[in-house]
Amino acid sequence: MNVAEAVGTALTRLGVETVFGVVGSGNFHVTNALAAGGATFVAARHEGGAATMADAYARVSGGLGVVSVHQGPGLTNAITGIAEAAKSRTPLLVLAGEVAASAVRSNFRVDQAAIAIAVGAVAERVHSPESALADVARACRTAVGLRRTVLLGLPLDVQAAEHPGPVVIPAGAPLAAPAVPVPLLPVPPPAAVARLAGALAAAERPVFIAGRGARLSGAGDALRDLAERCGALLATSAVARGLFGGDPYDLDVSGGFATPVAGELIRGADLLVGWGCSLNMWTLRHGSLVGENAKVVQVDVDAEALGAHQPVDLSIIGDVAETARLVDAELAARGHAVPGYRSAAVAERLTREGRWRDQAYKDESDGEHIDPRTLSIALDDLLPADRTVAVDSGNFMGYPAMFLAVPDADGLVFTQSFQSVGLGLATAIGAAVARPDRLTVAALGDGGALMAIAELETAARLGLGLLVVIYDDEAYGAEVHHFGPDGHPLDTVTFPPADLAAIARGFGCAAVTVRGEGDLAAVREWLAGPRDRPMVIDAKVTRNRAAWWLEEAFRGH
C-alpha cells in the first residue's frame, strides 16, 4: 500500500469511527482508506461546516474529532471552524493534503503550518514513508492527550510513495491507549489542598462556578459532594450548562446569561471558586459579579489560565474532579460540614424564579411576529426532554441557550469561543451524528442560517431528524441594537424578508413559517414521527428590543 492508504488504515485501527470533510484530489486517497477501514465518512458541503461538525462530534461523543480537507483552499475554507476548535481545546485532527516541497510554483501552495499555528492549532506533518505511522501516532497523542486541535499535513509526494511495511498498530486499539497514551492530569500537593479546604471552611457564602474544565474532567458528582459539605451554591459557565441539573441549589449559568436571582446570589458570595473556568468577562460580567469583599479561587490544569482574566487570591494547578475529591476528604477529616449559603429559603426562591422562563414579561407578539421568549417557552414545552441544543452566535442566542432546558452537561453545544456567526447548523449536524438517540435542535439567527444554508442539504441527505429553529429578525440583530440607539444608519445590517421555509423545502427539509404559537402545530406533527428529515422553523420574531444579555456583552467591545 502507499502512505495515504497506510495513514487511513492506521487511523481506523487506532479507533477513528467517523470522519467529516470535503474531498478533493489532495485528500481523496486517505479519505477512501479511512472508509475502507470501516470509518463512516460524512460529506459536508463546505470545509468550514465539516470542521465544525467534527468539533461538535468530539464535544458530544467525548472522543477524537477528525476532518479531512484538500490542500490550499480546502484548508483555508475550514480555518474558522479550526480556530473555534483550537480556542475550545477540542481534540480535533485535521487531515490536510499538502503541496510537495518540490512544487514551489503550485497555485495551491500556502504555508499551511503557519496558518494552523496562527489560529492556535498545533502543526504536524507526515514527513516520510518511514516515519508515517509514528507521525500519525504523535498527532493523535497530542490531540487526545493534550486536548489540542492538530493539523496533520499530508504532502502529496509522500502520500503517493510506497509504505515500507505493514501497519503494525494493533487492530481495535483505542486512541487513548496503549499506542497513544494520555498523560496523567496534575494533582495539587497537600499544602494547596489544605489551603483551599481552609478557605472553604472559613467561607459563609461560597459559590462554585464550573467551566469547560469541570465538564471535561467529569467533575459534576465530585463538585456536588464538596458543595454539599461546605454549603456552596452551584453555577456554571455557558459551555458547562447542565452539569448540576436537578440540584436544588443550582443557579444555572453565571455571567451575562444569569437570571436576576442567580446574579444577586453570586454577587453576595464571600468566596467564589472557579473550577476549570476561565472567569472571563462573560462569566463574571466584567467582574461585577465579584462582591466587594469576596475572595476568588481558581482551579485549572492550565497554569496560564490562572488569573488571566480575573485577579485571584488563590490559584491551584490541578484536575478539577481529583482536586474536588481531595478537598472534600480534607474537610471530612476536619469534621467540617455546614449549611453555608444553603437554606430552605434559597432553594424555594430558586424553584420559583431560577429559570428565565419563570421571569414575568410582556409578550410583544403582534400577529406578524412572535416574541422570541414566547417562541422559546412554547418549544421548551413541546420538545422531548432528552435533547441536544446547538446554538449559533447573535442577538438571539440567549433565548435558546437559556429558555430551552437541557438534560445534562452534554445537552448544550456552544461553539462560541471564537464568536463566529454561522457555525450553529454544522454544530448541530455533528452533535446529531454523535448522539442519534437524542433530538438535536439547531438554534440559528437568519444571518447565520443563510451563511451555512448549504449544510441543510447535508442534514437532509443524512436523514437526520434535526429541528432547525431560525430566529428570523431580518437583520444582524446584535449590530441593530448596538448601533441603532446612537442614530447610526442600519442599511448595511438589515435585509428584506426571505422565505427561509421555502428555501429549506428546496433542500429536502420539512418546513413551516411561524408567526404565532398556533403555527407550531406542524412541528408537533413532525415530532410524532417518523422524523426522517429535518424540520426547519422560520420564526418571524420581533426585534423591538435587544436581548437582555446584549448590552452587558457589548461592554467588552
Protein backbone atom coordinates (compact mmCIF):
# COMPACT_ATOMS: atom_id res chain seq x y z
CA MET A 1 0.00 0.00 0.00
CA ASN A 2 1.02 3.63 -0.38
CA VAL A 3 1.42 6.06 2.51
CA ALA A 4 -2.06 7.55 2.10
CA GLU A 5 -3.59 4.09 2.48
CA ALA A 6 -1.33 3.31 5.45
CA VAL A 7 -2.31 6.53 7.23
CA GLY A 8 -6.03 5.89 6.73
CA THR A 9 -5.67 2.28 7.86
CA ALA A 10 -3.67 3.30 10.93
CA LEU A 11 -6.27 5.84 11.99
CA THR A 12 -9.12 3.34 11.81
CA ARG A 13 -7.08 0.82 13.77
CA LEU A 14 -6.48 3.50 16.36
CA GLY A 15 -10.24 3.81 16.75
CA VAL A 16 -11.40 6.54 14.38
CA GLU A 17 -15.01 5.74 13.53
CA THR A 18 -16.37 8.93 11.94
CA VAL A 19 -14.71 11.45 9.61
CA PHE A 20 -16.18 14.68 8.27
CA GLY A 21 -14.89 16.51 5.25
CA VAL A 22 -14.98 17.65 1.67
CA VAL A 23 -12.93 15.55 -0.71
CA GLY A 24 -10.53 16.94 -3.31
CA SER A 25 -7.60 15.38 -5.09
CA GLY A 26 -5.26 16.05 -2.16
CA ASN A 27 -7.23 14.06 0.42
CA PHE A 28 -9.02 11.62 -1.88
CA HIS A 29 -6.91 8.53 -1.17
CA VAL A 30 -6.53 8.94 2.58
CA THR A 31 -10.29 9.50 2.93
CA ASN A 32 -11.05 6.40 0.88
CA ALA A 33 -8.63 4.43 3.05
CA LEU A 34 -10.45 5.57 6.17
CA ALA A 35 -13.76 4.47 4.67
CA ALA A 36 -12.26 1.13 3.58
CA GLY A 37 -11.04 0.62 7.13
CA GLY A 38 -14.58 0.96 8.47
CA ALA A 39 -14.88 4.66 9.30
CA THR A 40 -18.06 6.47 8.33
CA PHE A 41 -17.37 9.44 6.08
CA VAL A 42 -19.79 12.36 6.37
CA ALA A 43 -19.51 14.58 3.31
CA ALA A 44 -20.22 18.21 4.10
CA ARG A 45 -20.94 20.91 1.52
CA HIS A 46 -18.23 23.29 2.78
CA GLU A 47 -14.99 22.68 4.63
CA GLY A 48 -15.92 25.24 7.29
CA GLY A 49 -19.01 23.20 8.06
CA ALA A 50 -17.03 19.96 8.04
CA ALA A 51 -14.55 21.28 10.61
CA THR A 52 -17.32 22.45 12.91
CA MET A 53 -19.20 19.17 12.54
CA ALA A 54 -16.07 17.31 13.62
CA ASP A 55 -15.58 19.75 16.51
CA ALA A 56 -19.16 19.22 17.76
CA TYR A 57 -18.87 15.46 17.26
CA ALA A 58 -15.81 15.41 19.51
CA ARG A 59 -17.50 17.53 22.19
CA VAL A 60 -20.62 15.37 22.33
CA SER A 61 -19.02 11.93 21.85
CA GLY A 62 -16.09 12.59 24.17
CA GLY A 63 -13.67 11.21 21.59
CA LEU A 64 -11.44 12.49 18.81
CA GLY A 65 -12.96 14.54 16.01
CA VAL A 66 -11.48 14.06 12.54
CA VAL A 67 -11.91 16.27 9.47
CA SER A 68 -10.38 15.66 6.03
CA VAL A 69 -9.73 18.52 3.61
CA HIS A 70 -7.94 19.31 0.33
CA GLN A 71 -4.70 21.27 0.35
CA GLY A 72 -4.69 25.06 -0.04
CA PRO A 73 -8.29 26.29 -0.39
CA GLY A 74 -9.66 23.21 1.34
CA LEU A 75 -7.74 24.15 4.45
CA THR A 76 -8.38 27.89 4.23
CA ASN A 77 -12.12 27.25 3.81
CA ALA A 78 -12.03 25.27 7.05
CA ILE A 79 -10.00 27.72 9.08
CA THR A 80 -12.82 29.42 11.01
CA GLY A 81 -14.06 26.06 12.26
CA ILE A 82 -10.49 25.09 13.12
CA ALA A 83 -10.00 28.34 15.03
CA GLU A 84 -13.15 27.68 17.08
CA ALA A 85 -11.98 24.16 17.88
CA ALA A 86 -8.49 25.33 18.82
CA LYS A 87 -9.78 28.04 21.14
CA SER A 88 -12.10 25.48 22.76
CA ARG A 89 -9.31 22.94 23.24
CA THR A 90 -11.26 20.38 21.23
CA PRO A 91 -9.32 17.18 20.45
CA LEU A 92 -9.56 17.51 16.67
CA LEU A 93 -7.34 16.00 13.98
CA VAL A 94 -7.32 17.92 10.69
CA LEU A 95 -6.08 15.77 7.80
CA ALA A 96 -4.99 18.12 5.04
CA GLY A 97 -3.32 17.43 1.76
CA GLU A 98 -0.19 19.49 1.29
CA VAL A 99 1.77 20.59 -1.76
CA ALA A 100 5.00 18.65 -2.25
CA ALA A 101 8.11 20.53 -1.20
CA SER A 102 9.41 20.39 -4.78
CA ALA A 103 6.26 22.03 -6.26
CA VAL A 104 7.43 25.54 -5.47
CA ARG A 105 5.16 27.20 -8.06
CA SER A 106 1.97 25.32 -7.27
CA ASN A 107 -1.03 27.61 -7.06
CA PHE A 108 -2.14 25.55 -4.04
CA ARG A 109 0.97 26.45 -2.07
CA VAL A 110 0.37 28.35 1.17
CA ASP A 111 2.18 28.00 4.46
CA GLN A 112 -0.34 25.61 5.97
CA ALA A 113 1.61 25.06 9.17
CA ALA A 114 1.80 28.82 9.78
CA ILE A 115 -1.94 29.16 9.16
CA ALA A 116 -2.66 26.46 11.74
CA ILE A 117 -0.35 27.99 14.33
CA ALA A 118 -1.86 31.44 13.73
CA VAL A 119 -5.28 30.26 14.97
CA GLY A 120 -3.94 28.26 17.90
CA ALA A 121 -3.71 24.79 16.39
CA VAL A 122 -0.67 22.51 16.50
CA ALA A 123 1.10 21.86 13.19
CA GLU A 124 2.30 18.33 12.47
CA ARG A 125 3.29 16.60 9.23
CA VAL A 126 3.79 13.12 7.78
CA HIS A 127 7.45 13.55 6.92
CA SER A 128 8.33 10.35 5.08
CA PRO A 129 7.12 6.82 4.33
CA GLU A 130 9.36 5.51 7.09
CA SER A 131 8.05 7.90 9.75
CA ALA A 132 4.40 7.95 8.65
CA LEU A 133 2.92 5.77 11.40
CA ALA A 134 4.95 7.47 14.12
CA ASP A 135 3.84 10.85 12.76
CA VAL A 136 0.19 9.79 12.89
CA ALA A 137 0.53 8.43 16.42
CA ARG A 138 2.23 11.63 17.59
CA ALA A 139 -0.52 13.81 16.12
CA CYS A 140 -3.21 11.70 17.77
CA ARG A 141 -1.37 11.69 21.08
CA THR A 142 -1.21 15.48 21.06
CA ALA A 143 -4.87 15.84 20.09
CA VAL A 144 -6.23 13.38 22.64
CA GLY A 145 -3.71 13.63 25.46
CA LEU A 146 -3.27 17.40 25.46
CA ARG A 147 -6.74 18.27 24.14
CA ARG A 148 -5.44 20.20 21.18
CA THR A 149 -6.55 20.78 17.62
CA VAL A 150 -3.83 19.33 15.37
CA LEU A 151 -3.23 19.88 11.66
CA LEU A 152 -1.57 16.81 10.13
CA GLY A 153 -0.13 17.83 6.77
CA LEU A 154 -0.03 15.09 4.15
CA PRO A 155 2.43 16.09 1.36
CA LEU A 156 1.25 14.71 -1.96
CA ASP A 157 4.57 13.13 -2.87
CA VAL A 158 4.79 11.36 0.49
CA GLN A 159 1.19 10.16 0.21
CA ALA A 160 1.91 8.59 -3.15
CA ALA A 161 5.11 6.83 -2.03
CA GLU A 162 5.11 3.14 -1.19
CA HIS A 163 4.79 2.38 2.50
CA PRO A 164 7.75 0.24 3.56
CA GLY A 165 5.99 -2.23 5.79
CA PRO A 166 2.79 -3.45 7.41
CA VAL A 167 0.57 -1.23 9.52
CA VAL A 168 1.61 -2.57 12.91
CA ILE A 169 -0.80 -0.69 15.19
CA PRO A 170 -2.91 -3.39 16.93
CA ALA A 171 -6.39 -3.73 15.47
CA GLY A 172 -9.03 -2.19 17.70
CA ALA A 173 -6.58 -0.27 19.89
CA PRO A 174 -8.40 2.78 21.27
CA LEU A 175 -6.99 6.23 20.73
CA ALA A 176 -6.34 6.60 24.43
CA ALA A 177 -4.09 3.54 24.87
CA PRO A 178 -1.76 1.83 24.50
CA ALA A 179 -0.37 3.31 21.31
CA VAL A 180 -1.44 6.86 22.19
CA PRO A 181 -1.21 7.19 25.97
CA VAL A 182 -2.88 10.11 27.74
CA PRO A 183 -0.60 11.85 30.26
CA LEU A 184 -1.71 11.90 33.88
CA LEU A 185 -3.53 15.09 34.86
CA PRO A 186 -1.95 17.19 37.59
CA VAL A 187 -2.95 16.70 41.20
CA PRO A 188 -2.33 19.56 43.64
CA PRO A 189 0.09 19.00 46.53
CA PRO A 190 -1.27 18.51 50.06
CA ALA A 191 -0.41 22.08 51.06
CA ALA A 192 -2.56 23.50 48.23
CA VAL A 193 -5.42 21.16 49.10
CA ALA A 194 -5.22 22.31 52.71
CA ARG A 195 -5.27 25.99 51.70
CA LEU A 196 -8.39 25.55 49.60
CA ALA A 197 -10.04 23.49 52.34
CA GLY A 198 -9.22 26.27 54.78
CA ALA A 199 -10.75 28.91 52.51
CA LEU A 200 -13.94 26.89 52.18
CA ALA A 201 -14.10 26.24 55.93
CA ALA A 202 -13.86 29.98 56.60
CA ALA A 203 -16.49 30.96 54.00
CA GLU A 204 -20.08 31.62 54.98
CA ARG A 205 -21.49 32.08 51.47
CA PRO A 206 -19.39 30.11 48.97
CA VAL A 207 -20.32 29.77 45.30
CA PHE A 208 -18.78 27.32 42.83
CA ILE A 209 -18.58 28.26 39.13
CA ALA A 210 -17.74 25.24 37.00
CA GLY A 211 -16.49 25.64 33.43
CA ARG A 212 -15.32 23.61 30.48
CA GLY A 213 -12.53 22.01 32.53
CA ALA A 214 -15.03 20.70 35.08
CA ARG A 215 -17.17 19.24 32.33
CA LEU A 216 -14.20 17.58 30.62
CA SER A 217 -12.99 16.23 33.96
CA GLY A 218 -16.36 14.62 34.68
CA ALA A 219 -16.38 16.55 37.94
CA GLY A 220 -20.12 17.00 38.40
CA ASP A 221 -20.58 14.48 41.22
CA ALA A 222 -17.35 15.42 43.00
CA LEU A 223 -18.29 19.11 42.97
CA ARG A 224 -21.83 18.36 44.17
CA ASP A 225 -20.44 16.39 47.11
CA LEU A 226 -17.96 19.11 48.06
CA ALA A 227 -20.60 21.84 47.68
CA GLU A 228 -22.97 19.96 49.96
CA ARG A 229 -20.28 19.61 52.62
CA CYS A 230 -19.32 23.29 52.64
CA GLY A 231 -22.74 24.77 51.80
CA ALA A 232 -21.82 26.18 48.39
CA LEU A 233 -24.27 27.20 45.69
CA LEU A 234 -23.55 25.83 42.21
CA ALA A 235 -23.23 27.65 38.89
CA THR A 236 -21.58 27.02 35.53
CA SER A 237 -20.26 28.89 32.56
CA ALA A 238 -22.38 28.55 29.42
CA VAL A 239 -20.34 25.68 27.96
CA ALA A 240 -20.88 23.59 31.09
CA ARG A 241 -24.61 24.27 31.43
CA GLY A 242 -26.46 21.22 32.74
CA LEU A 243 -23.57 19.92 34.85
CA PHE A 244 -25.61 20.42 38.04
CA GLY A 245 -29.06 19.91 36.55
CA GLY A 246 -31.70 18.92 39.09
CA ASP A 247 -29.74 20.11 42.11
CA PRO A 248 -31.93 22.37 44.30
CA TYR A 249 -29.01 24.80 44.69
CA ASP A 250 -28.14 25.03 41.00
CA LEU A 251 -28.01 28.69 39.91
CA ASP A 252 -27.69 27.65 36.24
CA VAL A 253 -25.36 29.85 34.15
CA SER A 254 -23.27 32.63 35.66
CA GLY A 255 -22.50 35.85 33.79
CA GLY A 256 -24.45 37.61 31.08
CA PHE A 257 -26.97 34.78 30.84
CA ALA A 258 -27.58 34.67 34.61
CA THR A 259 -31.10 35.15 35.90
CA PRO A 260 -31.66 38.07 38.30
CA VAL A 261 -31.72 35.77 41.32
CA ALA A 262 -28.52 33.99 40.22
CA GLY A 263 -26.74 37.30 39.69
CA GLU A 264 -27.82 38.50 43.12
CA LEU A 265 -26.68 35.33 44.90
CA ILE A 266 -23.35 35.15 43.10
CA ARG A 267 -22.67 38.80 43.87
CA GLY A 268 -23.46 38.06 47.53
CA ALA A 269 -20.84 35.32 47.84
CA ASP A 270 -17.88 35.81 50.15
CA LEU A 271 -15.90 33.12 48.28
CA LEU A 272 -16.04 32.34 44.55
CA VAL A 273 -14.28 29.20 43.32
CA GLY A 274 -13.77 28.78 39.59
CA TRP A 275 -13.40 25.12 38.74
CA GLY A 276 -11.89 24.67 35.26
CA CYS A 277 -13.42 28.03 34.41
CA SER A 278 -11.61 31.00 32.87
CA LEU A 279 -13.59 33.54 34.95
CA ASN A 280 -13.62 35.87 31.97
CA MET A 281 -15.79 38.91 31.26
CA TRP A 282 -18.68 36.74 30.06
CA THR A 283 -18.77 34.56 33.18
CA LEU A 284 -18.29 37.32 35.75
CA ARG A 285 -19.91 40.24 33.87
CA HIS A 286 -16.63 42.11 33.65
CA GLY A 287 -16.02 41.42 37.34
CA SER A 288 -19.30 42.94 38.50
CA LEU A 289 -20.44 39.58 39.94
CA VAL A 290 -17.49 39.55 42.35
CA GLY A 291 -18.61 41.06 45.65
CA GLU A 292 -16.58 43.89 47.17
CA ASN A 293 -15.03 41.72 49.89
CA ALA A 294 -15.22 38.35 48.15
CA LYS A 295 -12.17 36.14 47.79
CA VAL A 296 -11.62 34.36 44.47
CA VAL A 297 -10.04 30.93 43.96
CA GLN A 298 -9.28 29.32 40.61
CA VAL A 299 -8.53 25.65 39.94
CA ASP A 300 -7.29 24.64 36.48
CA VAL A 301 -4.94 22.20 34.77
CA ASP A 302 -3.58 25.04 32.65
CA ALA A 303 -1.22 27.27 34.61
CA GLU A 304 -1.56 30.05 32.03
CA ALA A 305 -5.32 30.24 32.69
CA LEU A 306 -4.86 31.11 36.36
CA GLY A 307 -5.57 34.79 36.95
CA ALA A 308 -5.61 35.52 33.23
CA HIS A 309 -8.95 37.37 33.31
CA GLN A 310 -9.73 37.95 36.99
CA PRO A 311 -7.36 38.60 39.90
CA VAL A 312 -7.42 35.61 42.24
CA ASP A 313 -6.50 35.18 45.89
CA LEU A 314 -5.57 31.51 45.49
CA SER A 315 -4.68 29.62 42.34
CA ILE A 316 -4.28 25.86 42.16
CA ILE A 317 -3.00 23.70 39.31
CA GLY A 318 -4.98 20.51 39.34
CA ASP A 319 -7.55 18.33 37.65
CA VAL A 320 -10.95 19.57 38.76
CA ALA A 321 -12.53 16.25 39.74
CA GLU A 322 -9.49 14.98 41.62
CA THR A 323 -8.93 18.30 43.36
CA ALA A 324 -12.56 18.43 44.49
CA ARG A 325 -12.34 14.89 45.88
CA LEU A 326 -9.11 15.66 47.77
CA VAL A 327 -10.55 18.85 49.28
CA ASP A 328 -13.74 17.04 50.25
CA ALA A 329 -11.67 14.36 52.01
CA GLU A 330 -9.65 17.04 53.80
CA LEU A 331 -12.79 18.78 55.07
CA ALA A 332 -14.26 15.45 56.11
CA ALA A 333 -11.12 14.72 58.11
CA ARG A 334 -11.57 18.08 59.84
CA GLY A 335 -15.19 17.21 60.63
CA HIS A 336 -16.41 20.16 58.58
CA ALA A 337 -19.99 20.07 57.31
CA VAL A 338 -22.06 23.27 57.35
CA PRO A 339 -25.16 24.61 55.58
CA GLY A 340 -23.24 27.69 54.40
CA TYR A 341 -25.11 29.55 51.67
CA ARG A 342 -27.77 26.84 51.50
CA SER A 343 -31.15 27.28 53.12
CA ALA A 344 -34.75 26.32 52.53
CA ALA A 345 -35.48 29.94 51.58
CA VAL A 346 -32.75 29.95 48.89
CA ALA A 347 -33.93 26.61 47.49
CA GLU A 348 -37.53 27.81 47.41
CA ARG A 349 -36.55 31.01 45.65
CA LEU A 350 -34.56 29.12 43.03
CA THR A 351 -37.51 26.81 42.44
CA ARG A 352 -39.78 29.82 41.96
CA GLU A 353 -37.57 32.13 39.87
CA GLY A 354 -34.40 30.26 38.98
CA ARG A 355 -35.18 29.89 35.27
CA TRP A 356 -35.54 32.61 32.67
CA ARG A 357 -38.90 31.25 31.63
CA ASP A 358 -40.11 31.95 35.19
CA GLN A 359 -39.48 35.69 34.79
CA ALA A 360 -42.59 37.76 34.06
CA TYR A 361 -42.54 39.62 30.74
CA LYS A 362 -44.87 41.47 28.41
CA ASP A 363 -45.48 39.34 25.31
CA GLU A 364 -44.66 41.58 22.34
CA SER A 365 -46.01 39.22 19.68
CA ASP A 366 -48.05 41.24 17.19
CA GLY A 367 -49.66 38.67 14.89
CA GLU A 368 -47.00 39.01 12.22
CA HIS A 369 -44.04 38.40 14.52
CA ILE A 370 -43.64 36.19 17.57
CA ASP A 371 -41.80 37.28 20.70
CA PRO A 372 -38.63 35.13 20.90
CA ARG A 373 -39.34 34.45 24.58
CA THR A 374 -42.82 33.16 23.77
CA LEU A 375 -41.42 31.02 20.94
CA SER A 376 -38.68 29.54 23.14
CA ILE A 377 -41.01 28.73 26.04
CA ALA A 378 -43.51 27.08 23.67
CA LEU A 379 -40.73 24.97 22.15
CA ASP A 380 -39.41 24.03 25.59
CA ASP A 381 -42.86 22.67 26.43
CA LEU A 382 -43.27 20.95 23.08
CA LEU A 383 -39.92 19.18 22.64
CA PRO A 384 -38.87 15.96 24.38
CA ALA A 385 -36.70 16.48 27.45
CA ASP A 386 -33.93 14.27 26.07
CA ARG A 387 -32.42 16.79 23.67
CA THR A 388 -29.22 18.39 22.44
CA VAL A 389 -29.31 22.13 21.79
CA ALA A 390 -26.73 23.66 19.43
CA VAL A 391 -26.67 27.46 19.39
CA ASP A 392 -25.23 29.85 16.80
CA SER A 393 -24.00 33.35 17.65
CA GLY A 394 -26.07 36.53 17.51
CA ASN A 395 -28.54 38.73 19.37
CA PHE A 396 -30.99 35.83 19.61
CA MET A 397 -28.61 33.31 21.19
CA GLY A 398 -29.63 33.77 24.81
CA TYR A 399 -33.20 32.65 24.16
CA PRO A 400 -32.50 29.06 23.07
CA ALA A 401 -29.40 28.78 25.28
CA MET A 402 -31.32 29.67 28.44
CA PHE A 403 -35.03 29.10 27.76
CA LEU A 404 -34.59 25.56 26.38
CA ALA A 405 -33.78 23.17 29.22
CA VAL A 406 -31.01 20.61 28.68
CA PRO A 407 -30.82 17.20 30.35
CA ASP A 408 -27.14 17.22 31.30
CA ALA A 409 -23.74 18.76 30.55
CA ASP A 410 -23.77 17.26 27.05
CA GLY A 411 -27.10 18.88 26.25
CA LEU A 412 -25.83 22.31 25.18
CA VAL A 413 -23.22 22.50 22.43
CA PHE A 414 -21.96 26.05 22.48
CA THR A 415 -19.40 26.71 19.75
CA GLN A 416 -18.81 30.30 20.83
CA SER A 417 -15.12 30.56 21.77
CA PHE A 418 -14.40 32.44 18.52
CA GLN A 419 -17.85 34.08 18.47
CA SER A 420 -18.26 33.38 14.78
CA VAL A 421 -21.72 33.68 13.27
CA GLY A 422 -22.61 30.75 11.04
CA LEU A 423 -21.35 27.69 12.95
CA GLY A 424 -24.63 26.62 14.55
CA LEU A 425 -26.07 24.41 11.80
CA ALA A 426 -22.85 22.45 11.35
CA THR A 427 -22.55 22.17 15.14
CA ALA A 428 -25.98 20.58 15.27
CA ILE A 429 -25.18 18.12 12.47
CA GLY A 430 -22.00 16.96 14.22
CA ALA A 431 -23.87 16.62 17.51
CA ALA A 432 -26.71 14.69 15.86
CA VAL A 433 -24.27 12.23 14.28
CA ALA A 434 -22.63 11.70 17.68
CA ARG A 435 -25.92 11.28 19.59
CA PRO A 436 -28.63 9.95 17.27
CA ASP A 437 -30.60 8.84 20.33
CA ARG A 438 -31.47 12.46 21.15
CA LEU A 439 -33.44 15.12 19.35
CA THR A 440 -30.93 17.73 18.22
CA VAL A 441 -32.08 21.35 17.98
CA ALA A 442 -30.15 23.83 15.85
CA ALA A 443 -30.92 27.35 17.07
CA LEU A 444 -29.86 29.94 14.49
CA GLY A 445 -30.37 33.55 13.55
CA ASP A 446 -31.33 34.30 9.97
CA GLY A 447 -27.83 35.66 9.30
CA GLY A 448 -26.09 32.52 10.49
CA ALA A 449 -28.62 30.27 8.79
CA LEU A 450 -28.04 31.90 5.43
CA MET A 451 -24.26 31.75 5.86
CA ALA A 452 -24.42 27.97 6.31
CA ILE A 453 -27.54 27.18 4.29
CA ALA A 454 -25.82 24.61 2.05
CA GLU A 455 -25.47 22.26 5.02
CA LEU A 456 -29.25 21.81 5.07
CA GLU A 457 -28.62 19.51 2.12
CA THR A 458 -26.14 17.55 4.26
CA ALA A 459 -28.68 17.17 7.06
CA ALA A 460 -31.41 16.12 4.61
CA ARG A 461 -29.12 13.69 2.77
CA LEU A 462 -28.18 12.04 6.07
CA GLY A 463 -31.85 11.75 7.01
CA LEU A 464 -31.24 13.49 10.32
CA GLY A 465 -34.29 14.13 12.49
CA LEU A 466 -32.92 17.58 13.19
CA LEU A 467 -35.06 20.52 14.32
CA VAL A 468 -33.71 23.80 12.93
CA VAL A 469 -35.15 26.88 14.61
CA ILE A 470 -34.35 30.16 12.85
CA TYR A 471 -34.94 33.30 14.92
CA ASP A 472 -35.57 35.45 11.86
CA ASP A 473 -35.46 39.19 12.55
CA GLU A 474 -34.33 40.05 9.00
CA ALA A 475 -31.16 41.62 10.36
CA TYR A 476 -27.86 41.18 12.10
CA GLY A 477 -29.70 41.93 15.31
CA ALA A 478 -26.66 42.49 17.52
CA GLU A 479 -25.50 45.35 15.32
CA VAL A 480 -29.01 46.80 15.04
CA HIS A 481 -29.34 47.03 18.81
CA HIS A 482 -25.77 48.09 19.46
CA PHE A 483 -25.55 50.91 16.92
CA GLY A 484 -29.21 51.82 16.31
CA PRO A 485 -29.80 53.68 19.59
CA ASP A 486 -26.99 56.11 18.68
CA GLY A 487 -28.69 57.02 15.43
CA HIS A 488 -26.31 55.24 13.09
CA PRO A 489 -27.72 54.14 9.70
CA LEU A 490 -28.60 50.44 9.70
CA ASP A 491 -28.96 49.75 5.98
CA THR A 492 -25.86 47.54 6.00
CA VAL A 493 -27.25 45.21 8.68
CA THR A 494 -30.94 44.93 7.78
CA PHE A 495 -32.39 42.87 4.93
CA PRO A 496 -35.66 42.31 3.07
CA PRO A 497 -37.82 39.37 4.10
CA ALA A 498 -36.70 35.94 2.90
CA ASP A 499 -38.89 32.84 2.70
CA LEU A 500 -36.50 30.58 4.57
CA ALA A 501 -39.12 27.84 4.85
CA ALA A 502 -39.37 27.64 1.05
CA ILE A 503 -35.58 27.55 0.78
CA ALA A 504 -35.46 24.71 3.30
CA ARG A 505 -38.04 22.71 1.36
CA GLY A 506 -35.83 23.10 -1.69
CA PHE A 507 -33.08 21.28 0.20
CA GLY A 508 -35.46 18.42 1.07
CA CYS A 509 -36.47 19.51 4.57
CA ALA A 510 -39.90 19.83 6.11
CA ALA A 511 -40.53 23.46 6.98
CA VAL A 512 -43.01 25.90 8.48
CA THR A 513 -43.21 29.66 8.88
CA VAL A 514 -44.11 30.63 12.45
CA ARG A 515 -45.68 33.99 13.32
CA GLY A 516 -47.58 32.81 16.41
CA GLU A 517 -47.81 29.83 18.76
CA GLY A 518 -50.59 28.27 16.71
CA ASP A 519 -48.21 27.78 13.79
CA LEU A 520 -46.21 25.29 15.85
CA ALA A 521 -48.86 22.61 15.21
CA ALA A 522 -46.81 21.49 12.20
CA VAL A 523 -43.83 20.93 14.50
CA ARG A 524 -45.95 18.79 16.80
CA GLU A 525 -46.93 16.63 13.82
CA TRP A 526 -43.29 16.28 12.74
CA LEU A 527 -42.25 15.31 16.27
CA ALA A 528 -44.79 12.48 16.20
CA GLY A 529 -42.65 10.80 13.54
CA PRO A 530 -41.07 9.37 11.58
CA ARG A 531 -38.65 12.36 11.75
CA ASP A 532 -36.73 11.05 8.76
CA ARG A 533 -35.76 14.50 7.52
CA PRO A 534 -35.01 17.83 9.18
CA MET A 535 -37.76 20.23 10.17
CA VAL A 536 -36.97 23.94 9.71
CA ILE A 537 -38.90 26.60 11.62
CA ASP A 538 -38.65 30.05 10.06
CA ALA A 539 -39.79 32.02 13.09
CA LYS A 540 -40.51 35.64 12.22
CA VAL A 541 -39.50 37.14 15.56
CA THR A 542 -39.97 40.62 16.95
CA ARG A 543 -36.94 42.87 17.02
CA ASN A 544 -38.20 45.69 19.21
CA ARG A 545 -35.52 45.32 21.85
CA ALA A 546 -32.05 43.91 22.39
CA ALA A 547 -31.73 40.57 24.13
CA TRP A 548 -31.24 41.04 27.87
CA TRP A 549 -27.61 39.97 27.82
CA LEU A 550 -26.52 42.03 24.81
CA GLU A 551 -25.90 45.39 26.47
CA GLU A 552 -23.63 43.75 29.04
CA ALA A 553 -21.83 41.72 26.38
CA PHE A 554 -21.01 44.73 24.22
CA ARG A 555 -19.20 46.39 27.10
CA GLY A 556 -16.30 44.16 26.07
CA HIS A 557 -16.16 45.57 22.51
